[in-house]
């Protein structure tokens, strides 16, 4: 290797949690629970996080605004939505 050869420096991988870093703690908690579980409904998230349903609803809306989660209608009950983490 000569003095004129350059060595490629590996850049640090992008932090996958960056989109939610500035969100409220409730949104971070909901995101972490979704990280551990594949898909959950809003009521399941409220039970897992021990947060009030209104707080979970707010956290989900903030996560949707940050494009950190995907929401779709449940196949078993079309009245419910199922959430998955997309980051």
C-alpha atoms as a PDB file:
ATOM      1  CA  UNK A   1       0.000   0.000   0.000  1.00  0.00           C
ATOM      2  CA  UNK A   2       1.499   3.285  -1.041  1.00  0.00           C
ATOM      3  CA  UNK A   3       1.141   6.667   0.600  1.00  0.00           C
ATOM      4  CA  UNK A   4      -1.231   7.816  -2.146  1.00  0.00           C
ATOM      5  CA  UNK A   5      -3.756   5.011  -1.573  1.00  0.00           C
ATOM      6  CA  UNK A   6      -6.725   5.988   0.501  1.00  0.00           C
ATOM      7  CA  UNK A   7      -8.347   3.780   3.065  1.00  0.00           C
ATOM      8  CA  UNK A   8     -12.123   3.663   3.038  1.00  0.00           C
ATOM      9  CA  UNK A   9     -13.501   4.545   6.425  1.00  0.00           C
ATOM     10  CA  UNK A  10     -16.725   2.798   7.356  1.00  0.00           C
ATOM     11  CA  UNK A  11     -19.367   5.274   8.345  1.00  0.00           C
ATOM     12  CA  UNK A  12     -21.459   4.499  11.370  1.00  0.00           C
ATOM     13  CA  UNK A  13     -24.802   2.998  10.419  1.00  0.00           C
ATOM     14  CA  UNK A  14     -27.751   5.359  10.634  1.00  0.00           C
ATOM     15  CA  UNK A  15     -29.533   5.247  13.964  1.00  0.00           C
ATOM     16  CA  UNK A  16     -32.902   3.608  13.376  1.00  0.00           C
ATOM     17  CA  UNK A  17     -34.414   5.423  16.362  1.00  0.00           C
ATOM     18  CA  UNK A  18     -33.541   8.874  15.000  1.00  0.00           C
ATOM     19  CA  UNK A  19     -37.103   9.661  13.721  1.00  0.00           C
ATOM     20  CA  UNK A  20     -38.537   9.307  17.234  1.00  0.00           C
ATOM     21  CA  UNK A  21     -35.699  10.794  19.276  1.00  0.00           C
ATOM     22  CA  UNK A  22     -37.540  14.119  19.841  1.00  0.00           C
ATOM     23  CA  UNK A  23     -40.972  12.590  20.503  1.00  0.00           C
ATOM     24  CA  UNK A  24     -42.615  12.432  23.949  1.00  0.00           C
ATOM     25  CA  UNK A  25     -41.734   9.550  26.294  1.00  0.00           C
ATOM     26  CA  UNK A  26     -45.108   7.905  25.738  1.00  0.00           C
ATOM     27  CA  UNK A  27     -44.430   7.650  21.997  1.00  0.00           C
ATOM     28  CA  UNK A  28     -40.989   6.164  22.669  1.00  0.00           C
ATOM     29  CA  UNK A  29     -42.520   3.600  25.020  1.00  0.00           C
ATOM     30  CA  UNK A  30     -45.160   2.614  22.455  1.00  0.00           C
ATOM     31  CA  UNK A  31     -42.452   2.307  19.788  1.00  0.00           C
ATOM     32  CA  UNK A  32     -40.329   0.099  22.043  1.00  0.00           C
ATOM     33  CA  UNK A  33     -43.289  -2.164  22.832  1.00  0.00           C
ATOM     34  CA  UNK A  34     -43.999  -2.445  19.100  1.00  0.00           C
ATOM     35  CA  UNK A  35     -40.333  -3.296  18.597  1.00  0.00           C
ATOM     36  CA  UNK A  36     -40.700  -6.283  20.950  1.00  0.00           C
ATOM     37  CA  UNK A  37     -44.084  -7.355  19.526  1.00  0.00           C
ATOM     38  CA  UNK A  38     -44.908  -7.830  15.880  1.00  0.00           C
ATOM     39  CA  UNK A  39     -48.335  -6.203  15.629  1.00  0.00           C
ATOM     40  CA  UNK A  40     -50.664  -4.833  18.288  1.00  0.00           C
ATOM     41  CA  UNK A  41     -53.989  -3.023  18.438  1.00  0.00           C
ATOM     42  CA  UNK A  42     -54.473   0.198  20.375  1.00  0.00           C
ATOM     43  CA  UNK A  43     -56.132  -1.621  23.277  1.00  0.00           C
ATOM     44  CA  UNK A  44     -53.306  -4.196  23.385  1.00  0.00           C
ATOM     45  CA  UNK A  45     -50.775  -1.355  23.435  1.00  0.00           C
ATOM     46  CA  UNK A  46     -52.621   0.274  26.327  1.00  0.00           C
ATOM     47  CA  UNK A  47     -52.526  -3.010  28.258  1.00  0.00           C
ATOM     48  CA  UNK A  48     -48.828  -3.624  27.513  1.00  0.00           C
ATOM     49  CA  UNK A  49     -47.637  -0.100  28.314  1.00  0.00           C
ATOM     50  CA  UNK A  50     -50.037   0.533  31.217  1.00  0.00           C
ATOM     51  CA  UNK A  51     -50.775   3.917  29.647  1.00  0.00           C
ATOM     52  CA  UNK A  52     -54.305   5.359  29.392  1.00  0.00           C
ATOM     53  CA  UNK A  53     -55.976   4.766  25.994  1.00  0.00           C
ATOM     54  CA  UNK A  54     -55.998   8.511  25.287  1.00  0.00           C
ATOM     55  CA  UNK A  55     -52.213   8.705  25.810  1.00  0.00           C
ATOM     56  CA  UNK A  56     -51.672   5.684  23.551  1.00  0.00           C
ATOM     57  CA  UNK A  57     -53.842   7.336  20.886  1.00  0.00           C
ATOM     58  CA  UNK A  58     -51.735  10.513  21.111  1.00  0.00           C
ATOM     59  CA  UNK A  59     -48.485   8.515  20.974  1.00  0.00           C
ATOM     60  CA  UNK A  60     -49.690   6.606  17.913  1.00  0.00           C
ATOM     61  CA  UNK A  61     -50.616   9.825  16.122  1.00  0.00           C
ATOM     62  CA  UNK A  62     -47.155  11.284  16.825  1.00  0.00           C
ATOM     63  CA  UNK A  63     -45.497   8.072  15.607  1.00  0.00           C
ATOM     64  CA  UNK A  64     -47.622   8.121  12.442  1.00  0.00           C
ATOM     65  CA  UNK A  65     -46.607  11.744  11.806  1.00  0.00           C
ATOM     66  CA  UNK A  66     -42.947  10.677  12.107  1.00  0.00           C
ATOM     67  CA  UNK A  67     -43.536   7.741   9.701  1.00  0.00           C
ATOM     68  CA  UNK A  68     -42.266   5.375  12.395  1.00  0.00           C
ATOM     69  CA  UNK A  69     -45.239   2.991  12.352  1.00  0.00           C
ATOM     70  CA  UNK A  70     -47.544   1.383   9.832  1.00  0.00           C
ATOM     71  CA  UNK A  71     -51.255   1.113  10.540  1.00  0.00           C
ATOM     72  CA  UNK A  72     -53.675  -1.189   8.770  1.00  0.00           C
ATOM     73  CA  UNK A  73     -57.122  -2.577   9.437  1.00  0.00           C
ATOM     74  CA  UNK A  74     -57.322  -5.872  11.287  1.00  0.00           C
ATOM     75  CA  UNK A  75     -58.417  -8.848   9.211  1.00  0.00           C
ATOM     76  CA  UNK A  76     -60.205 -10.412  12.168  1.00  0.00           C
ATOM     77  CA  UNK A  77     -62.075  -7.247  13.188  1.00  0.00           C
ATOM     78  CA  UNK A  78     -62.319  -4.456  10.612  1.00  0.00           C
ATOM     79  CA  UNK A  79     -63.278  -1.976  13.345  1.00  0.00           C
ATOM     80  CA  UNK A  80     -59.768  -2.185  14.796  1.00  0.00           C
ATOM     81  CA  UNK A  81     -56.426  -1.051  13.452  1.00  0.00           C
ATOM     82  CA  UNK A  82     -53.207  -3.008  13.860  1.00  0.00           C
ATOM     83  CA  UNK A  83     -49.903  -1.172  14.310  1.00  0.00           C
ATOM     84  CA  UNK A  84     -46.393  -2.296  13.424  1.00  0.00           C
ATOM     85  CA  UNK A  85     -43.066  -0.532  13.804  1.00  0.00           C
ATOM     86  CA  UNK A  86     -41.609   0.523  10.433  1.00  0.00           C
ATOM     87  CA  UNK A  87     -38.209   1.861  11.475  1.00  0.00           C
END
